[in-house]
Full PDB file with SEQRES, HELIX, SHEET, SSBOND, CRYST1, ORIGX, SCALE, CONECT and MASTER records, all heavy atoms in Angstrom:
SEQRES   1 A   33  ALA GLU GLU ILE GLN LEU VAL THR THR ASP TYR GLN THR          
SEQRES   2 A   33  HIS GLY HIS GLY GLN VAL ASN THR VAL TRP GLU SER ALA          
SEQRES   3 A   33  ARG GLY GLU ASN LEU LEU PHE                                  
HELIX    1 AA1 GLN A   18  ASN A   20  5                                   3    
CRYST1    1.000    1.000    1.000  90.00  90.00  90.00 P 1           1          
ORIGX1      1.000000  0.000000  0.000000        0.00000                         
ORIGX2      0.000000  1.000000  0.000000        0.00000                         
ORIGX3      0.000000  0.000000  1.000000        0.00000                         
SCALE1      1.000000  0.000000  0.000000        0.00000                         
SCALE2      0.000000  1.000000  0.000000        0.00000                         
SCALE3      0.000000  0.000000  1.000000        0.00000                         
ATOM      1  N   ALA A   1      85.498 147.969  63.290  1.00  0.00           N  
ATOM      2  CA  ALA A   1      84.961 147.548  62.005  1.00  0.00           C  
ATOM      3  C   ALA A   1      84.374 146.147  62.071  1.00  0.00           C  
ATOM      4  O   ALA A   1      83.650 145.750  61.172  1.00  0.00           O  
ATOM      5  CB  ALA A   1      86.063 147.594  60.945  1.00  0.00           C  
ATOM      6  N   GLU A   2      84.684 145.405  63.136  1.00  0.00           N  
ATOM      7  CA  GLU A   2      84.144 144.056  63.283  1.00  0.00           C  
ATOM      8  C   GLU A   2      82.705 144.134  63.760  1.00  0.00           C  
ATOM      9  O   GLU A   2      82.311 145.046  64.485  1.00  0.00           O  
ATOM     10  CB  GLU A   2      84.989 143.269  64.290  1.00  0.00           C  
ATOM     11  CG  GLU A   2      86.439 143.075  63.892  1.00  0.00           C  
ATOM     12  CD  GLU A   2      86.586 142.090  62.758  1.00  0.00           C  
ATOM     13  OE1 GLU A   2      85.621 141.321  62.531  1.00  0.00           O  
ATOM     14  OE2 GLU A   2      87.635 142.103  62.113  1.00  0.00           O  
ATOM     15  N   GLU A   3      81.936 143.163  63.368  1.00  0.00           N  
ATOM     16  CA  GLU A   3      80.522 143.172  63.746  1.00  0.00           C  
ATOM     17  C   GLU A   3      80.318 142.883  65.226  1.00  0.00           C  
ATOM     18  O   GLU A   3      79.537 143.547  65.895  1.00  0.00           O  
ATOM     19  CB  GLU A   3      79.748 142.148  62.916  1.00  0.00           C  
ATOM     20  CG  GLU A   3      78.253 142.184  63.175  1.00  0.00           C  
ATOM     21  CD  GLU A   3      77.496 141.245  62.272  1.00  0.00           C  
ATOM     22  OE1 GLU A   3      78.083 140.752  61.295  1.00  0.00           O  
ATOM     23  OE2 GLU A   3      76.318 140.992  62.543  1.00  0.00           O  
ATOM     24  N   ILE A   4      81.013 141.883  65.744  1.00  0.00           N  
ATOM     25  CA  ILE A   4      80.865 141.518  67.153  1.00  0.00           C  
ATOM     26  C   ILE A   4      82.244 141.319  67.765  1.00  0.00           C  
ATOM     27  O   ILE A   4      83.054 140.541  67.248  1.00  0.00           O  
ATOM     28  CB  ILE A   4      80.021 140.246  67.313  1.00  0.00           C  
ATOM     29  CG1 ILE A   4      78.587 140.504  66.844  1.00  0.00           C  
ATOM     30  CG2 ILE A   4      80.007 139.777  68.767  1.00  0.00           C  
ATOM     31  CD1 ILE A   4      77.658 139.324  66.980  1.00  0.00           C  
ATOM     32  N   GLN A   5      82.512 142.029  68.854  1.00  0.00           N  
ATOM     33  CA  GLN A   5      83.756 141.887  69.597  1.00  0.00           C  
ATOM     34  C   GLN A   5      83.490 141.073  70.858  1.00  0.00           C  
ATOM     35  O   GLN A   5      82.595 141.384  71.634  1.00  0.00           O  
ATOM     36  CB  GLN A   5      84.312 143.258  69.968  1.00  0.00           C  
ATOM     37  CG  GLN A   5      84.869 144.049  68.796  1.00  0.00           C  
ATOM     38  CD  GLN A   5      86.106 143.401  68.206  1.00  0.00           C  
ATOM     39  OE1 GLN A   5      86.944 142.873  68.936  1.00  0.00           O  
ATOM     40  NE2 GLN A   5      86.228 143.442  66.892  1.00  0.00           N  
ATOM     41  N   LEU A   6      84.280 140.025  71.059  1.00  0.00           N  
ATOM     42  CA  LEU A   6      84.070 139.076  72.151  1.00  0.00           C  
ATOM     43  C   LEU A   6      85.296 139.012  73.046  1.00  0.00           C  
ATOM     44  O   LEU A   6      86.425 138.914  72.562  1.00  0.00           O  
ATOM     45  CB  LEU A   6      83.785 137.683  71.566  1.00  0.00           C  
ATOM     46  CG  LEU A   6      83.769 136.498  72.527  1.00  0.00           C  
ATOM     47  CD1 LEU A   6      82.565 136.562  73.455  1.00  0.00           C  
ATOM     48  CD2 LEU A   6      83.772 135.182  71.737  1.00  0.00           C  
ATOM     49  N   VAL A   7      85.074 139.074  74.355  1.00  0.00           N  
ATOM     50  CA  VAL A   7      86.141 138.888  75.335  1.00  0.00           C  
ATOM     51  C   VAL A   7      85.768 137.711  76.220  1.00  0.00           C  
ATOM     52  O   VAL A   7      84.655 137.655  76.771  1.00  0.00           O  
ATOM     53  CB  VAL A   7      86.347 140.141  76.203  1.00  0.00           C  
ATOM     54  CG1 VAL A   7      87.241 139.830  77.398  1.00  0.00           C  
ATOM     55  CG2 VAL A   7      86.973 141.258  75.386  1.00  0.00           C  
ATOM     56  N   THR A   8      86.688 136.750  76.348  1.00  0.00           N  
ATOM     57  CA  THR A   8      86.484 135.615  77.248  1.00  0.00           C  
ATOM     58  C   THR A   8      87.611 135.584  78.271  1.00  0.00           C  
ATOM     59  O   THR A   8      88.696 136.120  78.031  1.00  0.00           O  
ATOM     60  CB  THR A   8      86.464 134.283  76.475  1.00  0.00           C  
ATOM     61  OG1 THR A   8      87.701 134.139  75.748  1.00  0.00           O  
ATOM     62  CG2 THR A   8      85.305 134.230  75.507  1.00  0.00           C  
ATOM     63  N   THR A   9      87.345 134.954  79.396  1.00  0.00           N  
ATOM     64  CA  THR A   9      88.364 134.835  80.430  1.00  0.00           C  
ATOM     65  C   THR A   9      88.148 133.552  81.215  1.00  0.00           C  
ATOM     66  O   THR A   9      87.036 133.013  81.271  1.00  0.00           O  
ATOM     67  CB  THR A   9      88.331 136.047  81.389  1.00  0.00           C  
ATOM     68  OG1 THR A   9      89.451 135.986  82.273  1.00  0.00           O  
ATOM     69  CG2 THR A   9      87.052 136.057  82.217  1.00  0.00           C  
ATOM     70  N   ASP A  10      89.225 133.079  81.840  1.00  0.00           N  
ATOM     71  CA  ASP A  10      89.124 131.913  82.713  1.00  0.00           C  
ATOM     72  C   ASP A  10      88.675 132.304  84.114  1.00  0.00           C  
ATOM     73  O   ASP A  10      88.123 131.484  84.844  1.00  0.00           O  
ATOM     74  CB  ASP A  10      90.478 131.197  82.801  1.00  0.00           C  
ATOM     75  CG  ASP A  10      90.915 130.636  81.457  1.00  0.00           C  
ATOM     76  OD1 ASP A  10      90.047 130.113  80.729  1.00  0.00           O  
ATOM     77  OD2 ASP A  10      92.109 130.712  81.137  1.00  0.00           O  
ATOM     78  N   TYR A  11      88.940 133.581  84.471  1.00  0.00           N  
ATOM     79  CA  TYR A  11      88.623 133.995  85.840  1.00  0.00           C  
ATOM     80  C   TYR A  11      88.426 135.501  85.898  1.00  0.00           C  
ATOM     81  O   TYR A  11      89.184 136.260  85.288  1.00  0.00           O  
ATOM     82  CB  TYR A  11      89.765 133.595  86.785  1.00  0.00           C  
ATOM     83  CG  TYR A  11      89.488 133.894  88.235  1.00  0.00           C  
ATOM     84  CD1 TYR A  11      88.505 133.209  88.927  1.00  0.00           C  
ATOM     85  CD2 TYR A  11      90.211 134.874  88.912  1.00  0.00           C  
ATOM     86  CE1 TYR A  11      88.241 133.477  90.266  1.00  0.00           C  
ATOM     87  CE2 TYR A  11      89.963 135.155  90.256  1.00  0.00           C  
ATOM     88  CZ  TYR A  11      88.966 134.448  90.918  1.00  0.00           C  
ATOM     89  OH  TYR A  11      88.707 134.722  92.235  1.00  0.00           O  
ATOM     90  N   GLN A  12      87.407 135.919  86.651  1.00  0.00           N  
ATOM     91  CA  GLN A  12      87.155 137.338  86.908  1.00  0.00           C  
ATOM     92  C   GLN A  12      87.449 137.627  88.382  1.00  0.00           C  
ATOM     93  O   GLN A  12      86.903 136.962  89.263  1.00  0.00           O  
ATOM     94  CB  GLN A  12      85.693 137.698  86.607  1.00  0.00           C  
ATOM     95  CG  GLN A  12      85.348 137.677  85.141  1.00  0.00           C  
ATOM     96  CD  GLN A  12      83.920 138.123  84.868  1.00  0.00           C  
ATOM     97  OE1 GLN A  12      83.650 138.739  83.846  1.00  0.00           O  
ATOM     98  NE2 GLN A  12      82.995 137.809  85.765  1.00  0.00           N  
ATOM     99  N   THR A  13      88.292 138.605  88.629  1.00  0.00           N  
ATOM    100  CA  THR A  13      88.635 138.941  90.008  1.00  0.00           C  
ATOM    101  C   THR A  13      87.545 139.745  90.696  1.00  0.00           C  
ATOM    102  O   THR A  13      87.453 139.757  91.924  1.00  0.00           O  
ATOM    103  CB  THR A  13      89.947 139.737  90.061  1.00  0.00           C  
ATOM    104  OG1 THR A  13      89.797 140.931  89.270  1.00  0.00           O  
ATOM    105  CG2 THR A  13      91.098 138.910  89.516  1.00  0.00           C  
ATOM    106  N   HIS A  14      86.720 140.457  89.918  1.00  0.00           N  
ATOM    107  CA  HIS A  14      85.630 141.251  90.482  1.00  0.00           C  
ATOM    108  C   HIS A  14      84.329 140.993  89.723  1.00  0.00           C  
ATOM    109  O   HIS A  14      83.644 141.928  89.314  1.00  0.00           O  
ATOM    110  CB  HIS A  14      85.974 142.750  90.452  1.00  0.00           C  
ATOM    111  CG  HIS A  14      87.105 143.125  91.358  1.00  0.00           C  
ATOM    112  ND1 HIS A  14      88.429 143.004  90.988  1.00  0.00           N  
ATOM    113  CD2 HIS A  14      87.110 143.589  92.637  1.00  0.00           C  
ATOM    114  CE1 HIS A  14      89.208 143.403  91.985  1.00  0.00           C  
ATOM    115  NE2 HIS A  14      88.425 143.752  92.990  1.00  0.00           N  
ATOM    116  N   GLY A  15      84.018 139.721  89.533  1.00  0.00           N  
ATOM    117  CA  GLY A  15      82.785 139.375  88.844  1.00  0.00           C  
ATOM    118  C   GLY A  15      81.570 139.833  89.627  1.00  0.00           C  
ATOM    119  O   GLY A  15      81.522 139.725  90.849  1.00  0.00           O  
ATOM    120  N   HIS A  16      80.592 140.363  88.921  1.00  0.00           N  
ATOM    121  CA  HIS A  16      79.382 140.831  89.588  1.00  0.00           C  
ATOM    122  C   HIS A  16      78.183 140.648  88.668  1.00  0.00           C  
ATOM    123  O   HIS A  16      78.311 140.448  87.463  1.00  0.00           O  
ATOM    124  CB  HIS A  16      79.499 142.293  90.018  1.00  0.00           C  
ATOM    125  CG  HIS A  16      79.693 143.245  88.875  1.00  0.00           C  
ATOM    126  ND1 HIS A  16      78.645 143.761  88.148  1.00  0.00           N  
ATOM    127  CD2 HIS A  16      80.815 143.753  88.312  1.00  0.00           C  
ATOM    128  CE1 HIS A  16      79.115 144.570  87.204  1.00  0.00           C  
ATOM    129  NE2 HIS A  16      80.424 144.573  87.275  1.00  0.00           N  
ATOM    130  N   GLY A  17      76.998 140.720  89.280  1.00  0.00           N  
ATOM    131  CA  GLY A  17      75.760 140.612  88.525  1.00  0.00           C  
ATOM    132  C   GLY A  17      75.024 141.930  88.551  1.00  0.00           C  
ATOM    133  O   GLY A  17      75.620 143.004  88.658  1.00  0.00           O  
ATOM    134  N   GLN A  18      73.694 141.860  88.463  1.00  0.00           N  
ATOM    135  CA  GLN A  18      72.878 143.062  88.449  1.00  0.00           C  
ATOM    136  C   GLN A  18      73.006 143.816  89.769  1.00  0.00           C  
ATOM    137  O   GLN A  18      73.038 143.226  90.847  1.00  0.00           O  
ATOM    138  CB  GLN A  18      71.404 142.689  88.232  1.00  0.00           C  
ATOM    139  CG  GLN A  18      71.111 142.054  86.885  1.00  0.00           C  
ATOM    140  CD  GLN A  18      70.987 143.074  85.768  1.00  0.00           C  
ATOM    141  OE1 GLN A  18      71.209 144.261  85.961  1.00  0.00           O  
ATOM    142  NE2 GLN A  18      70.625 142.616  84.591  1.00  0.00           N  
ATOM    143  N   VAL A  19      73.097 145.137  89.672  1.00  0.00           N  
ATOM    144  CA  VAL A  19      73.139 146.035  90.834  1.00  0.00           C  
ATOM    145  C   VAL A  19      74.206 145.570  91.824  1.00  0.00           C  
ATOM    146  O   VAL A  19      73.987 145.464  93.032  1.00  0.00           O  
ATOM    147  CB  VAL A  19      71.758 146.127  91.517  1.00  0.00           C  
ATOM    148  CG1 VAL A  19      71.716 147.319  92.469  1.00  0.00           C  
ATOM    149  CG2 VAL A  19      70.659 146.289  90.469  1.00  0.00           C  
ATOM    150  N   ASN A  20      75.408 145.254  91.290  1.00  0.00           N  
ATOM    151  CA  ASN A  20      76.582 144.951  92.092  1.00  0.00           C  
ATOM    152  C   ASN A  20      76.468 143.693  92.940  1.00  0.00           C  
ATOM    153  O   ASN A  20      77.200 143.534  93.921  1.00  0.00           O  
ATOM    154  CB  ASN A  20      76.949 146.150  92.988  1.00  0.00           C  
ATOM    155  CG  ASN A  20      77.363 147.358  92.177  1.00  0.00           C  
ATOM    156  OD1 ASN A  20      78.028 147.218  91.145  1.00  0.00           O  
ATOM    157  ND2 ASN A  20      76.963 148.532  92.613  1.00  0.00           N  
ATOM    158  N   THR A  21      75.551 142.788  92.621  1.00  0.00           N  
ATOM    159  CA  THR A  21      75.544 141.501  93.287  1.00  0.00           C  
ATOM    160  C   THR A  21      76.763 140.702  92.826  1.00  0.00           C  
ATOM    161  O   THR A  21      77.251 140.866  91.715  1.00  0.00           O  
ATOM    162  CB  THR A  21      74.264 140.719  92.966  1.00  0.00           C  
ATOM    163  OG1 THR A  21      74.122 140.623  91.545  1.00  0.00           O  
ATOM    164  CG2 THR A  21      73.047 141.412  93.564  1.00  0.00           C  
ATOM    165  N   VAL A  22      77.266 139.840  93.711  1.00  0.00           N  
ATOM    166  CA  VAL A  22      78.496 139.099  93.425  1.00  0.00           C  
ATOM    167  C   VAL A  22      78.184 137.884  92.569  1.00  0.00           C  
ATOM    168  O   VAL A  22      77.191 137.189  92.784  1.00  0.00           O  
ATOM    169  CB  VAL A  22      79.175 138.649  94.739  1.00  0.00           C  
ATOM    170  CG1 VAL A  22      80.395 137.775  94.451  1.00  0.00           C  
ATOM    171  CG2 VAL A  22      79.572 139.870  95.559  1.00  0.00           C  
ATOM    172  N   TRP A  23      79.037 137.641  91.563  1.00  0.00           N  
ATOM    173  CA  TRP A  23      78.909 136.448  90.728  1.00  0.00           C  
ATOM    174  C   TRP A  23      80.074 135.534  91.037  1.00  0.00           C  
ATOM    175  O   TRP A  23      81.225 135.839  90.735  1.00  0.00           O  
ATOM    176  CB  TRP A  23      78.890 136.811  89.245  1.00  0.00           C  
ATOM    177  CG  TRP A  23      78.753 135.598  88.370  1.00  0.00           C  
ATOM    178  CD1 TRP A  23      79.753 134.927  87.728  1.00  0.00           C  
ATOM    179  CD2 TRP A  23      77.548 134.875  88.095  1.00  0.00           C  
ATOM    180  NE1 TRP A  23      79.252 133.848  87.046  1.00  0.00           N  
ATOM    181  CE2 TRP A  23      77.898 133.794  87.258  1.00  0.00           C  
ATOM    182  CE3 TRP A  23      76.211 135.043  88.469  1.00  0.00           C  
ATOM    183  CZ2 TRP A  23      76.961 132.873  86.784  1.00  0.00           C  
ATOM    184  CZ3 TRP A  23      75.281 134.134  87.999  1.00  0.00           C  
ATOM    185  CH2 TRP A  23      75.660 133.067  87.170  1.00  0.00           C  
ATOM    186  N   GLU A  24      79.790 134.389  91.675  1.00  0.00           N  
ATOM    187  CA  GLU A  24      80.834 133.435  92.064  1.00  0.00           C  
ATOM    188  C   GLU A  24      81.156 132.513  90.901  1.00  0.00           C  
ATOM    189  O   GLU A  24      80.259 131.953  90.263  1.00  0.00           O  
ATOM    190  CB  GLU A  24      80.362 132.601  93.256  1.00  0.00           C  
ATOM    191  CG  GLU A  24      81.353 131.512  93.642  1.00  0.00           C  
ATOM    192  CD  GLU A  24      80.787 130.522  94.647  1.00  0.00           C  
ATOM    193  OE1 GLU A  24      79.643 130.732  95.121  1.00  0.00           O  
ATOM    194  OE2 GLU A  24      81.482 129.534  94.937  1.00  0.00           O  
ATOM    195  N   SER A  25      82.448 132.329  90.638  1.00  0.00           N  
ATOM    196  CA  SER A  25      82.853 131.409  89.593  1.00  0.00           C  
ATOM    197  C   SER A  25      84.255 130.904  89.875  1.00  0.00           C  
ATOM    198  O   SER A  25      85.190 131.693  90.029  1.00  0.00           O  
ATOM    199  CB  SER A  25      82.820 132.093  88.217  1.00  0.00           C  
ATOM    200  OG  SER A  25      83.200 131.184  87.207  1.00  0.00           O  
ATOM    201  N   ALA A  26      84.403 129.587  89.972  1.00  0.00           N  
ATOM    202  CA  ALA A  26      85.710 128.985  90.197  1.00  0.00           C  
ATOM    203  C   ALA A  26      86.584 129.160  88.960  1.00  0.00           C  
ATOM    204  O   ALA A  26      86.107 129.174  87.825  1.00  0.00           O  
ATOM    205  CB  ALA A  26      85.557 127.510  90.538  1.00  0.00           C  
ATOM    206  N   ARG A  27      87.879 129.270  89.181  1.00  0.00           N  
ATOM    207  CA  ARG A  27      88.821 129.529  88.092  1.00  0.00           C  
ATOM    208  C   ARG A  27      88.816 128.407  87.053  1.00  0.00           C  
ATOM    209  O   ARG A  27      88.996 127.235  87.370  1.00  0.00           O  
ATOM    210  CB  ARG A  27      90.232 129.701  88.665  1.00  0.00           C  
ATOM    211  CG  ARG A  27      91.285 130.121  87.647  1.00  0.00           C  
ATOM    212  CD  ARG A  27      92.651 130.229  88.303  1.00  0.00           C  
ATOM    213  NE  ARG A  27      92.658 131.246  89.335  1.00  0.00           N  
ATOM    214  CZ  ARG A  27      92.915 132.542  89.129  1.00  0.00           C  
ATOM    215  NH1 ARG A  27      93.161 132.953  87.892  1.00  0.00           N  
ATOM    216  NH2 ARG A  27      92.916 133.400  90.133  1.00  0.00           N  
ATOM    217  N   GLY A  28      88.596 128.792  85.802  1.00  0.00           N  
ATOM    218  CA  GLY A  28      88.718 127.859  84.694  1.00  0.00           C  
ATOM    219  C   GLY A  28      87.610 126.840  84.554  1.00  0.00           C  
ATOM    220  O   GLY A  28      87.714 125.931  83.722  1.00  0.00           O  
ATOM    221  N   GLU A  29      86.522 126.986  85.328  1.00  0.00           N  
ATOM    222  CA  GLU A  29      85.492 125.953  85.303  1.00  0.00           C  
ATOM    223  C   GLU A  29      84.209 126.378  84.586  1.00  0.00           C  
ATOM    224  O   GLU A  29      83.435 125.521  84.160  1.00  0.00           O  
ATOM    225  CB  GLU A  29      85.155 125.504  86.731  1.00  0.00           C  
ATOM    226  CG  GLU A  29      86.324 124.803  87.414  1.00  0.00           C  
ATOM    227  CD  GLU A  29      85.953 124.252  88.779  1.00  0.00           C  
ATOM    228  OE1 GLU A  29      84.796 124.434  89.207  1.00  0.00           O  
ATOM    229  OE2 GLU A  29      86.839 123.638  89.412  1.00  0.00           O  
ATOM    230  N   ASN A  30      83.981 127.676  84.463  1.00  0.00           N  
ATOM    231  CA  ASN A  30      82.726 128.151  83.885  1.00  0.00           C  
ATOM    232  C   ASN A  30      82.983 128.986  82.644  1.00  0.00           C  
ATOM    233  O   ASN A  30      84.121 129.194  82.240  1.00  0.00           O  
ATOM    234  CB  ASN A  30      81.940 128.935  84.938  1.00  0.00           C  
ATOM    235  CG  ASN A  30      81.613 128.077  86.150  1.00  0.00           C  
ATOM    236  OD1 ASN A  30      81.257 126.920  86.024  1.00  0.00           O  
ATOM    237  ND2 ASN A  30      81.764 128.657  87.338  1.00  0.00           N  
ATOM    238  N   LEU A  31      81.918 129.469  82.045  1.00  0.00           N  
ATOM    239  CA  LEU A  31      82.029 130.264  80.822  1.00  0.00           C  
ATOM    240  C   LEU A  31      81.726 131.719  81.163  1.00  0.00           C  
ATOM    241  O   LEU A  31      80.596 132.058  81.527  1.00  0.00           O  
ATOM    242  CB  LEU A  31      81.064 129.737  79.771  1.00  0.00           C  
ATOM    243  CG  LEU A  31      81.170 130.329  78.364  1.00  0.00           C  
ATOM    244  CD1 LEU A  31      82.582 130.182  77.816  1.00  0.00           C  
ATOM    245  CD2 LEU A  31      80.160 129.656  77.436  1.00  0.00           C  
ATOM    246  N   LEU A  32      82.736 132.570  81.074  1.00  0.00           N  
ATOM    247  CA  LEU A  32      82.627 133.980  81.418  1.00  0.00           C  
ATOM    248  C   LEU A  32      83.002 134.798  80.191  1.00  0.00           C  
ATOM    249  O   LEU A  32      84.135 134.724  79.706  1.00  0.00           O  
ATOM    250  CB  LEU A  32      83.575 134.328  82.577  1.00  0.00           C  
ATOM    251  CG  LEU A  32      83.465 133.436  83.823  1.00  0.00           C  
ATOM    252  CD1 LEU A  32      84.584 133.771  84.805  1.00  0.00           C  
ATOM    253  CD2 LEU A  32      82.104 133.587  84.480  1.00  0.00           C  
ATOM    254  N   PHE A  33      82.049 135.584  79.673  1.00  0.00           N  
ATOM    255  CA  PHE A  33      82.355 136.317  78.452  1.00  0.00           C  
ATOM    256  C   PHE A  33      81.469 137.542  78.324  1.00  0.00           C  
ATOM    257  O   PHE A  33      80.385 137.625  78.929  1.00  0.00           O  
ATOM    258  CB  PHE A  33      82.209 135.420  77.218  1.00  0.00           C  
ATOM    259  CG  PHE A  33      80.821 134.896  76.963  1.00  0.00           C  
ATOM    260  CD1 PHE A  33      80.009 135.470  75.992  1.00  0.00           C  
ATOM    261  CD2 PHE A  33      80.326 133.806  77.663  1.00  0.00           C  
ATOM    262  CE1 PHE A  33      78.733 134.985  75.727  1.00  0.00           C  
ATOM    263  CE2 PHE A  33      79.053 133.301  77.403  1.00  0.00           C  
ATOM    264  CZ  PHE A  33      78.258 133.895  76.436  1.00  0.00           C  
TER     265      PHE A  33                                                      
MASTER        0    0    0    1    0    0    0    6  264    1    0    3          
END                                                                             
């Protein structure tokens, strides 16, 4: 029923970009959502 659902995290264990490219991000330093 909410208009926008948002999930944020300090760290992604399997972060990826387009077509399974890896997205590197140090723990707690960037904005991942």
